Amino acid sequence: MKRIEIIANRSVEEDLMEAFAKAGVARGYTKFPVVHGAGRSGPKVGDAIWPEENFALVVYCEADEAALIEEAVRSVKEKFPNEGVKVFSLG
């Protein structure tokens, strides 16, 4: 069993969900609709100075599904290289 964590700019949420649906993965997930923080793509804190926000998804799945999720995330990152999109795999 693996735990996949995806943290991404809210602007790519629909694209990620479409990529998961197309791949038939991440049917079960937990979503944190608004996540604030700072990373390589800069601060995302939802205020007047840094207005962008992130969201996060957590998925528990088997290794084969995790690989497909990671591939779907890569395809979205390629489409939107300047938006913050990160995937972490544990387990």
PDB file of N, CA and C in Angstrom:
ATOM      1  N   MET A   1       0.849  -1.180   0.000  1.00  0.00           N
ATOM      2  CA  MET A   1       0.000   0.000   0.000  1.00  0.00           C
ATOM      3  C   MET A   1       0.886   1.232   0.000  1.00  0.00           C
ATOM      4  N   LYS A   2       0.533   2.190  -0.815  1.00  0.00           N
ATOM      5  CA  LYS A   2       1.271   3.454  -0.907  1.00  0.00           C
ATOM      6  C   LYS A   2       0.348   4.612  -0.549  1.00  0.00           C
ATOM      7  N   ARG A   3       0.961   5.660  -0.058  1.00  0.00           N
ATOM      8  CA  ARG A   3       0.259   6.923   0.183  1.00  0.00           C
ATOM      9  C   ARG A   3       0.836   7.926  -0.802  1.00  0.00           C
ATOM     10  N   ILE A   4      -0.027   8.472  -1.647  1.00  0.00           N
ATOM     11  CA  ILE A   4       0.370   9.476  -2.619  1.00  0.00           C
ATOM     12  C   ILE A   4      -0.178  10.815  -2.150  1.00  0.00           C
ATOM     13  N   GLU A   5       0.686  11.813  -2.075  1.00  0.00           N
ATOM     14  CA  GLU A   5       0.268  13.170  -1.733  1.00  0.00           C
ATOM     15  C   GLU A   5       0.551  14.067  -2.927  1.00  0.00           C
ATOM     16  N   ILE A   6      -0.441  14.806  -3.333  1.00  0.00           N
ATOM     17  CA  ILE A   6      -0.304  15.732  -4.451  1.00  0.00           C
ATOM     18  C   ILE A   6      -0.648  17.114  -3.936  1.00  0.00           C
ATOM     19  N   ILE A   7       0.257  18.052  -4.125  1.00  0.00           N
ATOM     20  CA  ILE A   7       0.025  19.444  -3.763  1.00  0.00           C
ATOM     21  C   ILE A   7       0.190  20.248  -5.034  1.00  0.00           C
ATOM     22  N   ALA A   8      -0.828  21.021  -5.382  1.00  0.00           N
ATOM     23  CA  ALA A   8      -0.798  21.726  -6.660  1.00  0.00           C
ATOM     24  C   ALA A   8      -1.560  23.037  -6.583  1.00  0.00           C
ATOM     25  N   ASN A   9      -1.215  23.929  -7.492  1.00  0.00           N
ATOM     26  CA  ASN A   9      -1.937  25.186  -7.638  1.00  0.00           C
ATOM     27  C   ASN A   9      -3.391  24.873  -7.993  1.00  0.00           C
ATOM     28  N   ARG A  10      -4.308  25.599  -7.410  1.00  0.00           N
ATOM     29  CA  ARG A  10      -5.730  25.347  -7.676  1.00  0.00           C
ATOM     30  C   ARG A  10      -6.087  25.528  -9.151  1.00  0.00           C
ATOM     31  N   SER A  11      -5.271  26.255  -9.891  1.00  0.00           N
ATOM     32  CA  SER A  11      -5.550  26.488 -11.306  1.00  0.00           C
ATOM     33  C   SER A  11      -5.448  25.216 -12.146  1.00  0.00           C
ATOM     34  N   VAL A  12      -4.773  24.177 -11.652  1.00  0.00           N
ATOM     35  CA  VAL A  12      -4.636  22.935 -12.423  1.00  0.00           C
ATOM     36  C   VAL A  12      -5.480  21.793 -11.868  1.00  0.00           C
ATOM     37  N   GLU A  13      -6.319  22.078 -10.902  1.00  0.00           N
ATOM     38  CA  GLU A  13      -7.109  21.023 -10.262  1.00  0.00           C
ATOM     39  C   GLU A  13      -7.976  20.258 -11.263  1.00  0.00           C
ATOM     40  N   GLU A  14      -8.690  20.964 -12.095  1.00  0.00           N
ATOM     41  CA  GLU A  14      -9.559  20.310 -13.067  1.00  0.00           C
ATOM     42  C   GLU A  14      -8.755  19.444 -14.030  1.00  0.00           C
ATOM     43  N   ASP A  15      -7.602  19.935 -14.459  1.00  0.00           N
ATOM     44  CA  ASP A  15      -6.756  19.169 -15.369  1.00  0.00           C
ATOM     45  C   ASP A  15      -6.241  17.890 -14.710  1.00  0.00           C
ATOM     46  N   LEU A  16      -5.857  17.970 -13.441  1.00  0.00           N
ATOM     47  CA  LEU A  16      -5.413  16.781 -12.731  1.00  0.00           C
ATOM     48  C   LEU A  16      -6.537  15.758 -12.605  1.00  0.00           C
ATOM     49  N   MET A  17      -7.710  16.217 -12.215  1.00  0.00           N
ATOM     50  CA  MET A  17      -8.830  15.296 -12.038  1.00  0.00           C
ATOM     51  C   MET A  17      -9.215  14.652 -13.370  1.00  0.00           C
ATOM     52  N   GLU A  18      -9.144  15.398 -14.457  1.00  0.00           N
ATOM     53  CA  GLU A  18      -9.416  14.829 -15.779  1.00  0.00           C
ATOM     54  C   GLU A  18      -8.361  13.795 -16.160  1.00  0.00           C
ATOM     55  N   ALA A  19      -7.101  14.065 -15.854  1.00  0.00           N
ATOM     56  CA  ALA A  19      -6.030  13.110 -16.148  1.00  0.00           C
ATOM     57  C   ALA A  19      -6.214  11.826 -15.339  1.00  0.00           C
ATOM     58  N   PHE A  20      -6.644  11.948 -14.077  1.00  0.00           N
ATOM     59  CA  PHE A  20      -6.903  10.763 -13.260  1.00  0.00           C
ATOM     60  C   PHE A  20      -8.079   9.961 -13.815  1.00  0.00           C
ATOM     61  N   ALA A  21      -9.137  10.655 -14.210  1.00  0.00           N
ATOM     62  CA  ALA A  21     -10.304   9.971 -14.766  1.00  0.00           C
ATOM     63  C   ALA A  21      -9.929   9.236 -16.057  1.00  0.00           C
ATOM     64  N   LYS A  22      -9.157   9.882 -16.894  1.00  0.00           N
ATOM     65  CA  LYS A  22      -8.732   9.275 -18.159  1.00  0.00           C
ATOM     66  C   LYS A  22      -7.900   8.021 -17.903  1.00  0.00           C
ATOM     67  N   ALA A  23      -7.043   8.058 -16.870  1.00  0.00           N
ATOM     68  CA  ALA A  23      -6.198   6.914 -16.526  1.00  0.00           C
ATOM     69  C   ALA A  23      -6.926   5.886 -15.664  1.00  0.00           C
ATOM     70  N   GLY A  24      -8.111   6.242 -15.172  1.00  0.00           N
ATOM     71  CA  GLY A  24      -8.873   5.335 -14.317  1.00  0.00           C
ATOM     72  C   GLY A  24      -8.265   5.133 -12.942  1.00  0.00           C
ATOM     73  N   VAL A  25      -7.673   6.191 -12.410  1.00  0.00           N
ATOM     74  CA  VAL A  25      -7.003   6.105 -11.106  1.00  0.00           C
ATOM     75  C   VAL A  25      -7.544   7.159 -10.147  1.00  0.00           C
ATOM     76  N   ALA A  26      -7.134   7.033  -8.884  1.00  0.00           N
ATOM     77  CA  ALA A  26      -7.483   8.004  -7.829  1.00  0.00           C
ATOM     78  C   ALA A  26      -8.989   8.190  -7.716  1.00  0.00           C
ATOM     79  N   ARG A  27      -9.712   7.078  -7.799  1.00  0.00           N
ATOM     80  CA  ARG A  27     -11.174   7.165  -7.632  1.00  0.00           C
ATOM     81  C   ARG A  27     -11.551   7.463  -6.188  1.00  0.00           C
ATOM     82  N   GLY A  28     -10.706   7.003  -5.264  1.00  0.00           N
ATOM     83  CA  GLY A  28     -10.890   7.296  -3.851  1.00  0.00           C
ATOM     84  C   GLY A  28      -9.770   8.190  -3.374  1.00  0.00           C
ATOM     85  N   TYR A  29     -10.104   9.306  -2.785  1.00  0.00           N
ATOM     86  CA  TYR A  29      -9.084  10.260  -2.349  1.00  0.00           C
ATOM     87  C   TYR A  29      -9.654  11.139  -1.252  1.00  0.00           C
ATOM     88  N   THR A  30      -8.761  11.821  -0.568  1.00  0.00           N
ATOM     89  CA  THR A  30      -9.132  12.875   0.374  1.00  0.00           C
ATOM     90  C   THR A  30      -8.590  14.172  -0.196  1.00  0.00           C
ATOM     91  N   LYS A  31      -9.447  15.176  -0.233  1.00  0.00           N
ATOM     92  CA  LYS A  31      -9.066  16.472  -0.800  1.00  0.00           C
ATOM     93  C   LYS A  31      -9.078  17.540   0.281  1.00  0.00           C
ATOM     94  N   PHE A  32      -8.005  18.297   0.320  1.00  0.00           N
ATOM     95  CA  PHE A  32      -7.921  19.494   1.147  1.00  0.00           C
ATOM     96  C   PHE A  32      -8.048  20.652   0.161  1.00  0.00           C
ATOM     97  N   PRO A  33      -9.212  21.307   0.091  1.00  0.00           N
ATOM     98  CA  PRO A  33      -9.484  22.250  -0.989  1.00  0.00           C
ATOM     99  C   PRO A  33      -8.637  23.515  -0.988  1.00  0.00           C
ATOM    100  N   VAL A  34      -8.147  23.938   0.154  1.00  0.00           N
ATOM    101  CA  VAL A  34      -7.307  25.140   0.209  1.00  0.00           C
ATOM    102  C   VAL A  34      -6.119  24.837   1.110  1.00  0.00           C
ATOM    103  N   VAL A  35      -4.927  24.959   0.523  1.00  0.00           N
ATOM    104  CA  VAL A  35      -3.696  24.706   1.254  1.00  0.00           C
ATOM    105  C   VAL A  35      -2.754  25.878   1.001  1.00  0.00           C
ATOM    106  N   HIS A  36      -2.232  26.444   2.058  1.00  0.00           N
ATOM    107  CA  HIS A  36      -1.287  27.556   1.945  1.00  0.00           C
ATOM    108  C   HIS A  36       0.113  27.066   2.257  1.00  0.00           C
ATOM    109  N   GLY A  37       1.098  27.695   1.621  1.00  0.00           N
ATOM    110  CA  GLY A  37       2.482  27.351   1.894  1.00  0.00           C
ATOM    111  C   GLY A  37       3.413  28.041   0.913  1.00  0.00           C
ATOM    112  N   ALA A  38       4.683  27.645   0.957  1.00  0.00           N
ATOM    113  CA  ALA A  38       5.680  28.199   0.045  1.00  0.00           C
ATOM    114  C   ALA A  38       6.601  27.084  -0.390  1.00  0.00           C
ATOM    115  N   GLY A  39       6.957  27.125  -1.653  1.00  0.00           N
ATOM    116  CA  GLY A  39       7.860  26.122  -2.212  1.00  0.00           C
ATOM    117  C   GLY A  39       8.648  26.731  -3.338  1.00  0.00           C
ATOM    118  N   ARG A  40       9.117  25.875  -4.250  1.00  0.00           N
ATOM    119  CA  ARG A  40       9.934  26.345  -5.362  1.00  0.00           C
ATOM    120  C   ARG A  40       9.191  27.306  -6.276  1.00  0.00           C
ATOM    121  N   SER A  41       7.882  27.150  -6.375  1.00  0.00           N
ATOM    122  CA  SER A  41       7.107  28.035  -7.259  1.00  0.00           C
ATOM    123  C   SER A  41       6.648  29.300  -6.531  1.00  0.00           C
ATOM    124  N   GLY A  42       7.117  29.500  -5.305  1.00  0.00           N
ATOM    125  CA  GLY A  42       6.801  30.716  -4.571  1.00  0.00           C
ATOM    126  C   GLY A  42       5.681  30.536  -3.572  1.00  0.00           C
ATOM    127  N   PRO A  43       5.393  31.569  -2.790  1.00  0.00           N
ATOM    128  CA  PRO A  43       4.343  31.499  -1.779  1.00  0.00           C
ATOM    129  C   PRO A  43       2.949  31.405  -2.408  1.00  0.00           C
ATOM    130  N   LYS A  44       2.109  30.642  -1.769  1.00  0.00           N
ATOM    131  CA  LYS A  44       0.693  30.544  -2.137  1.00  0.00           C
ATOM    132  C   LYS A  44      -0.076  30.655  -0.813  1.00  0.00           C
ATOM    133  N   VAL A  45      -0.429  31.880  -0.457  1.00  0.00           N
ATOM    134  CA  VAL A  45      -1.031  32.084   0.860  1.00  0.00           C
ATOM    135  C   VAL A  45      -2.390  32.773   0.818  1.00  0.00           C
ATOM    136  N   GLY A  46      -2.921  33.038  -0.350  1.00  0.00           N
ATOM    137  CA  GLY A  46      -4.273  33.558  -0.469  1.00  0.00           C
ATOM    138  C   GLY A  46      -4.497  34.942   0.099  1.00  0.00           C
ATOM    139  N   ASP A  47      -3.463  35.763   0.138  1.00  0.00           N
ATOM    140  CA  ASP A  47      -3.656  37.121   0.645  1.00  0.00           C
ATOM    141  C   ASP A  47      -3.474  38.130  -0.495  1.00  0.00           C
ATOM    142  N   ALA A  48      -3.506  39.406  -0.167  1.00  0.00           N
ATOM    143  CA  ALA A  48      -3.428  40.441  -1.198  1.00  0.00           C
ATOM    144  C   ALA A  48      -2.067  40.461  -1.907  1.00  0.00           C
ATOM    145  N   ILE A  49      -1.033  40.039  -1.228  1.00  0.00           N
ATOM    146  CA  ILE A  49       0.303  40.067  -1.822  1.00  0.00           C
ATOM    147  C   ILE A  49       0.592  38.769  -2.580  1.00  0.00           C
ATOM    148  N   TRP A  50       0.223  37.626  -2.016  1.00  0.00           N
ATOM    149  CA  TRP A  50       0.415  36.315  -2.646  1.00  0.00           C
ATOM    150  C   TRP A  50      -0.963  35.646  -2.764  1.00  0.00           C
ATOM    151  N   PRO A  51      -1.761  36.035  -3.752  1.00  0.00           N
ATOM    152  CA  PRO A  51      -3.161  35.616  -3.795  1.00  0.00           C
ATOM    153  C   PRO A  51      -3.419  34.164  -4.214  1.00  0.00           C
ATOM    154  N   GLU A  52      -2.456  33.514  -4.816  1.00  0.00           N
ATOM    155  CA  GLU A  52      -2.710  32.154  -5.267  1.00  0.00           C
ATOM    156  C   GLU A  52      -2.833  31.191  -4.088  1.00  0.00           C
ATOM    157  N   GLU A  53      -3.511  30.059  -4.333  1.00  0.00           N
ATOM    158  CA  GLU A  53      -3.684  29.033  -3.317  1.00  0.00           C
ATOM    159  C   GLU A  53      -3.459  27.663  -3.951  1.00  0.00           C
ATOM    160  N   ASN A  54      -3.091  26.720  -3.116  1.00  0.00           N
ATOM    161  CA  ASN A  54      -2.932  25.337  -3.524  1.00  0.00           C
ATOM    162  C   ASN A  54      -4.093  24.511  -3.019  1.00  0.00           C
ATOM    163  N   PHE A  55      -4.155  23.271  -3.496  1.00  0.00           N
ATOM    164  CA  PHE A  55      -5.020  22.261  -2.924  1.00  0.00           C
ATOM    165  C   PHE A  55      -4.170  21.012  -2.755  1.00  0.00           C
ATOM    166  N   ALA A  56      -4.644  20.055  -1.979  1.00  0.00           N
ATOM    167  CA  ALA A  56      -3.892  18.816  -1.782  1.00  0.00           C
ATOM    168  C   ALA A  56      -4.831  17.632  -1.889  1.00  0.00           C
ATOM    169  N   LEU A  57      -4.304  16.548  -2.448  1.00  0.00           N
ATOM    170  CA  LEU A  57      -5.015  15.271  -2.514  1.00  0.00           C
ATOM    171  C   LEU A  57      -4.159  14.218  -1.837  1.00  0.00           C
ATOM    172  N   VAL A  58      -4.790  13.314  -1.119  1.00  0.00           N
ATOM    173  CA  VAL A  58      -4.122  12.161  -0.541  1.00  0.00           C
ATOM    174  C   VAL A  58      -4.839  10.926  -1.064  1.00  0.00           C
ATOM    175  N   VAL A  59      -4.069   9.995  -1.615  1.00  0.00           N
ATOM    176  CA  VAL A  59      -4.618   8.763  -2.170  1.00  0.00           C
ATOM    177  C   VAL A  59      -3.863   7.590  -1.577  1.00  0.00           C
ATOM    178  N   TYR A  60      -4.581   6.587  -1.102  1.00  0.00           N
ATOM    179  CA  TYR A  60      -3.982   5.328  -0.683  1.00  0.00           C
ATOM    180  C   TYR A  60      -4.277   4.313  -1.771  1.00  0.00           C
ATOM    181  N   CYS A  61      -3.227   3.646  -2.273  1.00  0.00           N
ATOM    182  CA  CYS A  61      -3.419   2.729  -3.390  1.00  0.00           C
ATOM    183  C   CYS A  61      -2.268   1.724  -3.462  1.00  0.00           C
ATOM    184  N   GLU A  62      -2.412   0.789  -4.373  1.00  0.00           N
ATOM    185  CA  GLU A  62      -1.353  -0.180  -4.621  1.00  0.00           C
ATOM    186  C   GLU A  62      -0.282   0.447  -5.522  1.00  0.00           C
ATOM    187  N   ALA A  63       0.867  -0.192  -5.593  1.00  0.00           N
ATOM    188  CA  ALA A  63       2.016   0.350  -6.312  1.00  0.00           C
ATOM    189  C   ALA A  63       1.730   0.578  -7.791  1.00  0.00           C
ATOM    190  N   ASP A  64       0.978  -0.326  -8.432  1.00  0.00           N
ATOM    191  CA  ASP A  64       0.704  -0.152  -9.859  1.00  0.00           C
ATOM    192  C   ASP A  64      -0.156   1.079 -10.114  1.00  0.00           C
ATOM    193  N   GLU A  65      -1.142   1.327  -9.249  1.00  0.00           N
ATOM    194  CA  GLU A  65      -1.960   2.533  -9.397  1.00  0.00           C
ATOM    195  C   GLU A  65      -1.137   3.781  -9.093  1.00  0.00           C
ATOM    196  N   ALA A  66      -0.256   3.696  -8.105  1.00  0.00           N
ATOM    197  CA  ALA A  66       0.598   4.835  -7.755  1.00  0.00           C
ATOM    198  C   ALA A  66       1.437   5.264  -8.951  1.00  0.00           C
ATOM    199  N   ALA A  67       1.970   4.297  -9.694  1.00  0.00           N
ATOM    200  CA  ALA A  67       2.777   4.624 -10.873  1.00  0.00           C
ATOM    201  C   ALA A  67       1.931   5.342 -11.919  1.00  0.00           C
ATOM    202  N   LEU A  68       0.680   4.927 -12.101  1.00  0.00           N
ATOM    203  CA  LEU A  68      -0.205   5.582 -13.066  1.00  0.00           C
ATOM    204  C   LEU A  68      -0.578   6.999 -12.607  1.00  0.00           C
ATOM    205  N   ILE A  69      -0.771   7.168 -11.306  1.00  0.00           N
ATOM    206  CA  ILE A  69      -1.060   8.501 -10.762  1.00  0.00           C
ATOM    207  C   ILE A  69       0.127   9.426 -11.006  1.00  0.00           C
ATOM    208  N   GLU A  70       1.320   8.932 -10.721  1.00  0.00           N
ATOM    209  CA  GLU A  70       2.518   9.746 -10.924  1.00  0.00           C
ATOM    210  C   GLU A  70       2.680  10.126 -12.388  1.00  0.00           C
ATOM    211  N   GLU A  71       2.360   9.222 -13.302  1.00  0.00           N
ATOM    212  CA  GLU A  71       2.438   9.523 -14.738  1.00  0.00           C
ATOM    213  C   GLU A  71       1.406  10.587 -15.120  1.00  0.00           C
ATOM    214  N   ALA A  72       0.197  10.494 -14.567  1.00  0.00           N
ATOM    215  CA  ALA A  72      -0.833  11.496 -14.850  1.00  0.00           C
ATOM    216  C   ALA A  72      -0.398  12.868 -14.343  1.00  0.00           C
ATOM    217  N   VAL A  73       0.209  12.908 -13.166  1.00  0.00           N
ATOM    218  CA  VAL A  73       0.710  14.171 -12.619  1.00  0.00           C
ATOM    219  C   VAL A  73       1.809  14.731 -13.522  1.00  0.00           C
ATOM    220  N   ARG A  74       2.708  13.871 -13.989  1.00  0.00           N
ATOM    221  CA  ARG A  74       3.775  14.333 -14.897  1.00  0.00           C
ATOM    222  C   ARG A  74       3.197  14.963 -16.159  1.00  0.00           C
ATOM    223  N   SER A  75       2.128  14.362 -16.695  1.00  0.00           N
ATOM    224  CA  SER A  75       1.539  14.908 -17.925  1.00  0.00           C
ATOM    225  C   SER A  75       0.965  16.302 -17.690  1.00  0.00           C
ATOM    226  N   VAL A  76       0.378  16.534 -16.514  1.00  0.00           N
ATOM    227  CA  VAL A  76      -0.161  17.859 -16.195  1.00  0.00           C
ATOM    228  C   VAL A  76       0.984  18.840 -15.959  1.00  0.00           C
ATOM    229  N   LYS A  77       2.049  18.397 -15.296  1.00  0.00           N
ATOM    230  CA  LYS A  77       3.207  19.266 -15.073  1.00  0.00           C
ATOM    231  C   LYS A  77       3.827  19.700 -16.400  1.00  0.00           C
ATOM    232  N   GLU A  78       3.863  18.806 -17.375  1.00  0.00           N
ATOM    233  CA  GLU A  78       4.401  19.156 -18.686  1.00  0.00           C
ATOM    234  C   GLU A  78       3.526  20.192 -19.383  1.00  0.00           C
ATOM    235  N   LYS A  79       2.226  20.071 -19.195  1.00  0.00           N
ATOM    236  CA  LYS A  79       1.278  21.000 -19.810  1.00  0.00           C
ATOM    237  C   LYS A  79       1.352  22.380 -19.154  1.00  0.00           C
ATOM    238  N   PHE A  80       1.611  22.414 -17.846  1.00  0.00           N
ATOM    239  CA  PHE A  80       1.658  23.658 -17.071  1.00  0.00           C
ATOM    240  C   PHE A  80       2.973  23.733 -16.287  1.00  0.00           C
ATOM    241  N   PRO A  81       4.100  23.952 -16.966  1.00  0.00           N
ATOM    242  CA  PRO A  81       5.396  23.894 -16.287  1.00  0.00           C
ATOM    243  C   PRO A  81       5.628  25.002 -15.259  1.00  0.00           C
ATOM    244  N   ASN A  82       4.882  26.088 -15.322  1.00  0.00           N
ATOM    245  CA  ASN A  82       5.105  27.200 -14.397  1.00  0.00           C
ATOM    246  C   ASN A  82       4.155  27.204 -13.201  1.00  0.00           C
ATOM    247  N   GLU A  83       3.263  26.233 -13.147  1.00  0.00           N
ATOM    248  CA  GLU A  83       2.366  26.104 -11.997  1.00  0.00           C
ATOM    249  C   GLU A  83       2.980  25.099 -11.036  1.00  0.00           C
ATOM    250  N   GLY A  84       2.826  25.334  -9.765  1.00  0.00           N
ATOM    251  CA  GLY A  84       3.349  24.396  -8.785  1.00  0.00           C
ATOM    252  C   GLY A  84       2.522  23.118  -8.757  1.00  0.00           C
ATOM    253  N   VAL A  85       3.138  21.995  -9.089  1.00  0.00           N
ATOM    254  CA  VAL A  85       2.489  20.687  -9.028  1.00  0.00           C
ATOM    255  C   VAL A  85       3.522  19.714  -8.493  1.00  0.00           C
ATOM    256  N   LYS A  86       3.276  19.156  -7.323  1.00  0.00           N
ATOM    257  CA  LYS A  86       4.219  18.214  -6.710  1.00  0.00           C
ATOM    258  C   LYS A  86       3.488  16.943  -6.331  1.00  0.00           C
ATOM    259  N   VAL A  87       4.199  15.822  -6.461  1.00  0.00           N
ATOM    260  CA  VAL A  87       3.651  14.534  -6.040  1.00  0.00           C
ATOM    261  C   VAL A  87       4.695  13.853  -5.154  1.00  0.00           C
ATOM    262  N   PHE A  88       4.220  13.276  -4.051  1.00  0.00           N
ATOM    263  CA  PHE A  88       5.073  12.569  -3.106  1.00  0.00           C
ATOM    264  C   PHE A  88       4.494  11.182  -2.900  1.00  0.00           C
ATOM    265  N   SER A  89       5.354  10.182  -2.896  1.00  0.00           N
ATOM    266  CA  SER A  89       4.919   8.805  -2.714  1.00  0.00           C
ATOM    267  C   SER A  89       5.590   8.226  -1.478  1.00  0.00           C
ATOM    268  N   LEU A  90       4.802   7.679  -0.592  1.00  0.00           N
ATOM    269  CA  LEU A  90       5.301   7.091   0.640  1.00  0.00           C
ATOM    270  C   LEU A  90       4.876   5.624   0.717  1.00  0.00           C
ATOM    271  N   GLY A  91       5.784   4.784   1.140  1.00  0.00           N
ATOM    272  CA  GLY A  91       5.423   3.380   1.347  1.00  0.00           C
ATOM    273  C   GLY A  91       5.921   2.438   0.306  1.00  0.00           C
TER     274      GLY A  91
END
